[in-house]
N, C-alpha and C. Protein backbone atom coordinates (compact mmCIF):
# COMPACT_ATOMS: atom_id res chain seq x y z
N MET A 1 203.95 117.41 12.52
CA MET A 1 204.80 118.54 12.19
C MET A 1 205.58 118.27 10.90
N LYS A 2 206.05 117.04 10.74
CA LYS A 2 206.79 116.69 9.52
C LYS A 2 205.91 116.83 8.29
N LYS A 3 204.62 116.45 8.41
CA LYS A 3 203.70 116.55 7.28
C LYS A 3 203.48 118.02 6.88
N ILE A 4 203.37 118.89 7.88
CA ILE A 4 203.18 120.31 7.58
C ILE A 4 204.39 120.85 6.85
N PHE A 5 205.58 120.51 7.36
CA PHE A 5 206.81 120.96 6.72
C PHE A 5 206.93 120.42 5.29
N LEU A 6 206.61 119.15 5.11
CA LEU A 6 206.68 118.54 3.79
C LEU A 6 205.68 119.19 2.84
N ASN A 7 204.46 119.42 3.30
CA ASN A 7 203.46 120.10 2.48
C ASN A 7 203.91 121.51 2.10
N PHE A 8 204.52 122.20 3.07
CA PHE A 8 205.05 123.54 2.79
C PHE A 8 206.09 123.48 1.67
N LEU A 9 207.01 122.54 1.76
CA LEU A 9 208.03 122.41 0.72
C LEU A 9 207.41 122.09 -0.65
N ILE A 10 206.47 121.18 -0.66
CA ILE A 10 205.84 120.78 -1.93
C ILE A 10 205.09 121.95 -2.57
N LEU A 11 204.42 122.74 -1.74
CA LEU A 11 203.62 123.84 -2.28
C LEU A 11 204.44 125.07 -2.64
N PHE A 12 205.42 125.41 -1.82
CA PHE A 12 206.09 126.69 -2.00
C PHE A 12 207.49 126.63 -2.62
N LEU A 13 208.13 125.50 -2.61
CA LEU A 13 209.46 125.40 -3.21
C LEU A 13 209.45 125.75 -4.69
N PRO A 14 208.47 125.27 -5.48
CA PRO A 14 208.45 125.69 -6.89
C PRO A 14 208.29 127.20 -7.06
N LEU A 15 207.56 127.86 -6.19
CA LEU A 15 207.40 129.31 -6.28
C LEU A 15 208.72 130.03 -5.99
N PHE A 16 209.45 129.56 -4.98
CA PHE A 16 210.75 130.15 -4.68
C PHE A 16 211.72 129.93 -5.84
N TYR A 17 211.70 128.76 -6.43
CA TYR A 17 212.57 128.45 -7.56
C TYR A 17 212.24 129.35 -8.75
N ALA A 18 210.96 129.48 -9.07
CA ALA A 18 210.55 130.33 -10.20
C ALA A 18 210.93 131.78 -9.95
N SER A 19 210.77 132.25 -8.74
CA SER A 19 211.13 133.62 -8.40
C SER A 19 212.64 133.84 -8.56
N ALA A 20 213.43 132.88 -8.12
CA ALA A 20 214.88 132.99 -8.25
C ALA A 20 215.30 132.97 -9.71
N GLN A 21 214.63 132.16 -10.52
CA GLN A 21 214.97 132.08 -11.94
C GLN A 21 214.63 133.37 -12.67
N SER A 22 213.52 134.03 -12.32
CA SER A 22 213.13 135.25 -13.01
C SER A 22 214.06 136.41 -12.67
N ASN A 23 214.78 136.34 -11.57
CA ASN A 23 215.71 137.39 -11.20
C ASN A 23 217.05 137.26 -11.93
N THR A 24 217.33 136.11 -12.49
CA THR A 24 218.56 135.95 -13.25
C THR A 24 218.31 136.46 -14.65
N SER A 25 219.32 137.02 -15.23
CA SER A 25 219.15 137.61 -16.56
C SER A 25 220.30 137.19 -17.45
N GLY A 26 219.95 136.72 -18.61
CA GLY A 26 220.94 136.42 -19.62
C GLY A 26 221.24 137.69 -20.41
N PRO A 27 221.81 137.54 -21.57
CA PRO A 27 222.09 138.71 -22.40
C PRO A 27 220.80 139.31 -22.97
N VAL A 28 220.83 140.63 -23.16
CA VAL A 28 219.72 141.36 -23.79
C VAL A 28 220.34 142.32 -24.79
N ILE A 29 219.87 142.29 -26.04
CA ILE A 29 220.39 143.19 -27.06
C ILE A 29 219.44 144.38 -27.19
N SER A 30 219.99 145.59 -26.99
CA SER A 30 219.19 146.82 -27.02
C SER A 30 219.76 147.76 -28.08
N PHE A 31 218.99 147.99 -29.13
CA PHE A 31 219.41 148.87 -30.21
C PHE A 31 219.02 150.31 -29.92
N GLU A 32 219.87 151.25 -30.33
CA GLU A 32 219.54 152.67 -30.20
C GLU A 32 218.37 153.02 -31.13
N LYS A 33 218.35 152.41 -32.31
CA LYS A 33 217.22 152.52 -33.23
C LYS A 33 217.20 151.28 -34.10
N THR A 34 216.03 150.90 -34.59
CA THR A 34 215.91 149.68 -35.38
C THR A 34 215.51 149.94 -36.82
N THR A 35 215.33 151.21 -37.18
CA THR A 35 214.99 151.56 -38.56
C THR A 35 215.84 152.75 -38.99
N HIS A 36 216.34 152.69 -40.24
CA HIS A 36 217.07 153.82 -40.80
C HIS A 36 216.55 154.10 -42.20
N ASP A 37 216.26 155.37 -42.46
CA ASP A 37 215.80 155.81 -43.77
C ASP A 37 216.95 156.52 -44.48
N PHE A 38 217.42 155.94 -45.58
CA PHE A 38 218.50 156.54 -46.36
C PHE A 38 218.02 157.73 -47.17
N GLY A 39 216.70 157.88 -47.33
CA GLY A 39 216.18 158.94 -48.19
C GLY A 39 216.39 158.56 -49.64
N ASN A 40 216.73 159.55 -50.48
CA ASN A 40 217.00 159.26 -51.90
C ASN A 40 218.43 158.78 -52.08
N VAL A 41 218.56 157.68 -52.81
CA VAL A 41 219.87 157.07 -53.09
C VAL A 41 220.00 156.97 -54.61
N LYS A 42 221.15 157.39 -55.12
CA LYS A 42 221.39 157.32 -56.56
C LYS A 42 221.61 155.87 -56.99
N LYS A 43 220.93 155.49 -58.06
CA LYS A 43 221.06 154.12 -58.58
C LYS A 43 222.52 153.81 -58.87
N GLY A 44 222.94 152.59 -58.46
CA GLY A 44 224.31 152.14 -58.67
C GLY A 44 225.23 152.39 -57.48
N ASN A 45 224.77 153.14 -56.50
CA ASN A 45 225.58 153.44 -55.32
C ASN A 45 225.32 152.44 -54.20
N ASP A 46 226.33 152.28 -53.36
CA ASP A 46 226.18 151.52 -52.11
C ASP A 46 226.08 152.53 -50.98
N VAL A 47 225.15 152.28 -50.06
CA VAL A 47 225.02 153.11 -48.86
C VAL A 47 225.07 152.19 -47.65
N SER A 48 225.62 152.72 -46.55
CA SER A 48 225.77 151.92 -45.33
C SER A 48 225.28 152.70 -44.12
N PHE A 49 224.86 151.94 -43.12
CA PHE A 49 224.46 152.54 -41.85
C PHE A 49 224.86 151.58 -40.74
N ASP A 50 225.36 152.15 -39.63
CA ASP A 50 225.74 151.37 -38.45
C ASP A 50 224.62 151.42 -37.41
N PHE A 51 224.02 150.27 -37.15
CA PHE A 51 223.03 150.14 -36.08
C PHE A 51 223.79 149.84 -34.79
N VAL A 52 223.74 150.76 -33.85
CA VAL A 52 224.47 150.63 -32.58
C VAL A 52 223.58 149.91 -31.57
N PHE A 53 224.19 148.96 -30.87
CA PHE A 53 223.45 148.22 -29.84
C PHE A 53 224.34 148.04 -28.62
N THR A 54 223.68 147.72 -27.50
CA THR A 54 224.36 147.48 -26.22
C THR A 54 223.84 146.17 -25.65
N ASN A 55 224.73 145.41 -25.03
CA ASN A 55 224.30 144.24 -24.27
C ASN A 55 223.89 144.75 -22.89
N THR A 56 222.57 144.87 -22.68
CA THR A 56 222.06 145.38 -21.41
C THR A 56 221.74 144.26 -20.42
N GLY A 57 222.12 143.04 -20.77
CA GLY A 57 221.90 141.90 -19.89
C GLY A 57 223.06 141.68 -18.95
N LYS A 58 223.06 140.52 -18.31
CA LYS A 58 224.08 140.20 -17.31
C LYS A 58 225.05 139.11 -17.75
N GLN A 59 224.89 138.61 -18.97
CA GLN A 59 225.75 137.55 -19.50
C GLN A 59 226.31 137.98 -20.85
N PRO A 60 227.41 137.37 -21.32
CA PRO A 60 227.94 137.70 -22.65
C PRO A 60 226.92 137.42 -23.76
N LEU A 61 226.92 138.29 -24.76
CA LEU A 61 226.03 138.19 -25.90
C LEU A 61 226.82 137.63 -27.08
N PHE A 62 226.26 136.63 -27.76
CA PHE A 62 226.87 136.04 -28.94
C PHE A 62 225.89 136.19 -30.11
N LEU A 63 226.36 136.80 -31.20
CA LEU A 63 225.52 136.98 -32.38
C LEU A 63 225.76 135.84 -33.37
N SER A 64 224.69 135.43 -34.03
CA SER A 64 224.79 134.55 -35.18
C SER A 64 224.79 135.46 -36.40
N GLU A 65 225.12 134.92 -37.56
CA GLU A 65 225.14 135.76 -38.76
C GLU A 65 223.75 136.33 -39.02
N PRO A 66 223.62 137.67 -39.07
CA PRO A 66 222.32 138.27 -39.38
C PRO A 66 221.86 137.85 -40.77
N ARG A 67 220.55 137.72 -40.92
CA ARG A 67 219.97 137.28 -42.19
C ARG A 67 219.19 138.42 -42.82
N SER A 68 219.54 138.74 -44.06
CA SER A 68 218.86 139.83 -44.75
C SER A 68 217.78 139.29 -45.67
N SER A 69 216.86 140.19 -46.02
CA SER A 69 215.72 139.78 -46.85
C SER A 69 216.09 139.66 -48.33
N CYS A 70 217.28 140.14 -48.72
CA CYS A 70 217.73 139.96 -50.11
C CYS A 70 219.24 140.12 -50.20
N GLY A 71 219.79 139.75 -51.34
CA GLY A 71 221.23 139.83 -51.55
C GLY A 71 221.76 141.25 -51.70
N CYS A 72 220.87 142.22 -51.91
CA CYS A 72 221.29 143.61 -52.06
C CYS A 72 221.55 144.28 -50.71
N THR A 73 221.25 143.57 -49.62
CA THR A 73 221.43 144.10 -48.27
C THR A 73 222.39 143.17 -47.53
N VAL A 74 223.59 143.69 -47.23
CA VAL A 74 224.63 142.85 -46.64
C VAL A 74 224.97 143.35 -45.24
N PRO A 75 224.77 142.50 -44.22
CA PRO A 75 225.15 142.89 -42.86
C PRO A 75 226.56 142.44 -42.52
N SER A 76 227.25 143.25 -41.72
CA SER A 76 228.51 142.81 -41.11
C SER A 76 228.35 143.04 -39.61
N TYR A 77 228.89 142.11 -38.82
CA TYR A 77 228.58 142.08 -37.39
C TYR A 77 229.80 141.62 -36.60
N PRO A 78 229.84 141.92 -35.31
CA PRO A 78 230.95 141.46 -34.47
C PRO A 78 230.85 139.96 -34.21
N LYS A 79 231.95 139.28 -34.35
CA LYS A 79 231.97 137.82 -34.15
C LYS A 79 232.38 137.44 -32.72
N GLU A 80 233.02 138.37 -32.01
CA GLU A 80 233.48 138.10 -30.65
C GLU A 80 232.33 138.33 -29.66
N PRO A 81 232.41 137.75 -28.47
CA PRO A 81 231.37 137.97 -27.46
C PRO A 81 231.28 139.45 -27.08
N ILE A 82 230.06 139.91 -26.85
CA ILE A 82 229.82 141.27 -26.40
C ILE A 82 229.49 141.18 -24.91
N MET A 83 230.32 141.76 -24.10
CA MET A 83 230.17 141.66 -22.66
C MET A 83 229.07 142.59 -22.16
N PRO A 84 228.50 142.32 -20.98
CA PRO A 84 227.46 143.19 -20.43
C PRO A 84 227.92 144.65 -20.37
N GLY A 85 227.06 145.54 -20.85
CA GLY A 85 227.37 146.97 -20.87
C GLY A 85 228.14 147.43 -22.09
N GLN A 86 228.65 146.50 -22.88
CA GLN A 86 229.47 146.85 -24.03
C GLN A 86 228.61 147.25 -25.23
N LYS A 87 229.07 148.28 -25.97
CA LYS A 87 228.40 148.74 -27.20
C LYS A 87 229.16 148.24 -28.41
N LYS A 88 228.42 147.85 -29.42
CA LYS A 88 228.98 147.43 -30.71
C LYS A 88 228.01 147.90 -31.79
N ASN A 89 228.31 147.55 -33.05
CA ASN A 89 227.40 147.92 -34.11
C ASN A 89 227.32 146.83 -35.18
N ILE A 90 226.21 146.84 -35.87
CA ILE A 90 226.00 146.00 -37.05
C ILE A 90 225.87 146.95 -38.23
N ARG A 91 226.75 146.81 -39.20
CA ARG A 91 226.73 147.67 -40.39
C ARG A 91 225.90 146.99 -41.48
N ILE A 92 224.94 147.73 -42.00
CA ILE A 92 224.11 147.25 -43.10
C ILE A 92 224.50 148.05 -44.34
N THR A 93 224.88 147.34 -45.40
CA THR A 93 225.22 147.98 -46.67
C THR A 93 224.17 147.57 -47.70
N PHE A 94 223.58 148.58 -48.31
CA PHE A 94 222.55 148.36 -49.32
C PHE A 94 223.09 148.79 -50.68
N THR A 95 222.93 147.91 -51.69
CA THR A 95 223.33 148.21 -53.06
C THR A 95 222.08 148.62 -53.83
N ALA A 96 222.10 149.88 -54.29
CA ALA A 96 220.94 150.45 -54.98
C ALA A 96 221.01 150.10 -56.47
N ASP A 97 220.45 148.94 -56.81
CA ASP A 97 220.54 148.50 -58.21
C ASP A 97 219.22 148.59 -58.97
N LYS A 98 218.11 148.87 -58.28
CA LYS A 98 216.81 149.00 -58.95
C LYS A 98 216.13 150.27 -58.47
N GLU A 99 215.57 151.02 -59.40
CA GLU A 99 214.88 152.26 -59.04
C GLU A 99 213.59 151.97 -58.29
N GLY A 100 213.24 152.89 -57.40
CA GLY A 100 211.99 152.79 -56.66
C GLY A 100 212.22 152.70 -55.17
N ALA A 101 211.11 152.70 -54.45
CA ALA A 101 211.16 152.62 -52.99
C ALA A 101 211.62 151.23 -52.55
N PHE A 102 212.34 151.19 -51.44
CA PHE A 102 212.76 149.90 -50.88
C PHE A 102 212.63 149.92 -49.37
N SER A 103 212.42 148.75 -48.82
CA SER A 103 212.42 148.52 -47.38
C SER A 103 212.94 147.11 -47.18
N LYS A 104 214.10 147.00 -46.56
CA LYS A 104 214.77 145.70 -46.39
C LYS A 104 214.93 145.39 -44.91
N GLN A 105 214.63 144.15 -44.56
CA GLN A 105 214.74 143.70 -43.18
C GLN A 105 215.98 142.84 -42.98
N VAL A 106 216.56 142.96 -41.80
CA VAL A 106 217.67 142.10 -41.39
C VAL A 106 217.29 141.52 -40.03
N SER A 107 217.31 140.20 -39.93
CA SER A 107 217.03 139.51 -38.67
C SER A 107 218.34 139.31 -37.92
N VAL A 108 218.40 139.85 -36.71
CA VAL A 108 219.59 139.72 -35.87
C VAL A 108 219.31 138.60 -34.87
N LEU A 109 220.02 137.49 -35.06
CA LEU A 109 219.85 136.31 -34.21
C LEU A 109 220.99 136.24 -33.19
N SER A 110 220.65 135.88 -31.97
CA SER A 110 221.65 135.83 -30.91
C SER A 110 221.16 134.93 -29.78
N ASN A 111 221.96 134.87 -28.73
CA ASN A 111 221.56 134.14 -27.53
C ASN A 111 220.82 135.05 -26.55
N ALA A 112 220.42 136.23 -26.99
CA ALA A 112 219.71 137.19 -26.14
C ALA A 112 218.31 136.72 -25.82
N GLU A 113 217.80 137.16 -24.68
CA GLU A 113 216.45 136.83 -24.27
C GLU A 113 215.41 137.38 -25.25
N ASN A 114 215.73 138.48 -25.94
CA ASN A 114 214.79 139.11 -26.86
C ASN A 114 215.13 138.84 -28.33
N SER A 115 215.79 137.73 -28.62
CA SER A 115 216.15 137.37 -29.99
C SER A 115 214.98 136.67 -30.67
N PRO A 116 214.78 136.88 -31.96
CA PRO A 116 215.51 137.76 -32.87
C PRO A 116 214.99 139.20 -32.81
N VAL A 117 215.83 140.12 -33.26
CA VAL A 117 215.45 141.52 -33.41
C VAL A 117 215.52 141.84 -34.90
N ILE A 118 214.50 142.53 -35.39
CA ILE A 118 214.45 142.91 -36.81
C ILE A 118 214.89 144.37 -36.92
N ILE A 119 215.89 144.62 -37.78
CA ILE A 119 216.28 145.99 -38.10
C ILE A 119 215.96 146.24 -39.57
N ILE A 120 215.66 147.48 -39.90
CA ILE A 120 215.15 147.81 -41.24
C ILE A 120 215.91 148.99 -41.82
N VAL A 121 216.26 148.88 -43.10
CA VAL A 121 216.76 150.03 -43.88
C VAL A 121 215.76 150.26 -45.00
N LYS A 122 215.52 151.55 -45.26
CA LYS A 122 214.57 151.88 -46.32
C LYS A 122 215.01 153.15 -47.00
N GLY A 123 214.36 153.45 -48.11
CA GLY A 123 214.68 154.64 -48.86
C GLY A 123 214.06 154.58 -50.24
N ASN A 124 214.63 155.38 -51.15
CA ASN A 124 214.12 155.45 -52.50
C ASN A 124 215.30 155.57 -53.46
N VAL A 125 215.40 154.64 -54.41
CA VAL A 125 216.48 154.67 -55.39
C VAL A 125 216.01 155.49 -56.58
N ILE A 126 216.84 156.51 -56.94
CA ILE A 126 216.50 157.39 -58.07
C ILE A 126 217.51 157.26 -59.20
């Protein structure tokens, strides 16, 4: 009887552990939208857009400094923890210094299960 019980533990305990782990959830960052088109932007102007997100996970969300694909795209972000269910935003400011179409990516790094998330601003400088 002890051998059967021991074999049961050896075979099924890892399955119970894995099942329990998959039910726990850390932070999850969920954006309302991940792309914004500014349309036509006059050369020399700065334009900004707020990407709204929610922590849809069960643990506090901590953001690292977002990384942009160039110096003309500057992100600003919340530095304090974002609690589960809380909404915040990341503001992306683009400086239109060269004429033509643009598409700029910003990598949002965090402790979220779905990190990193890429957000994009695009448009046309005239």
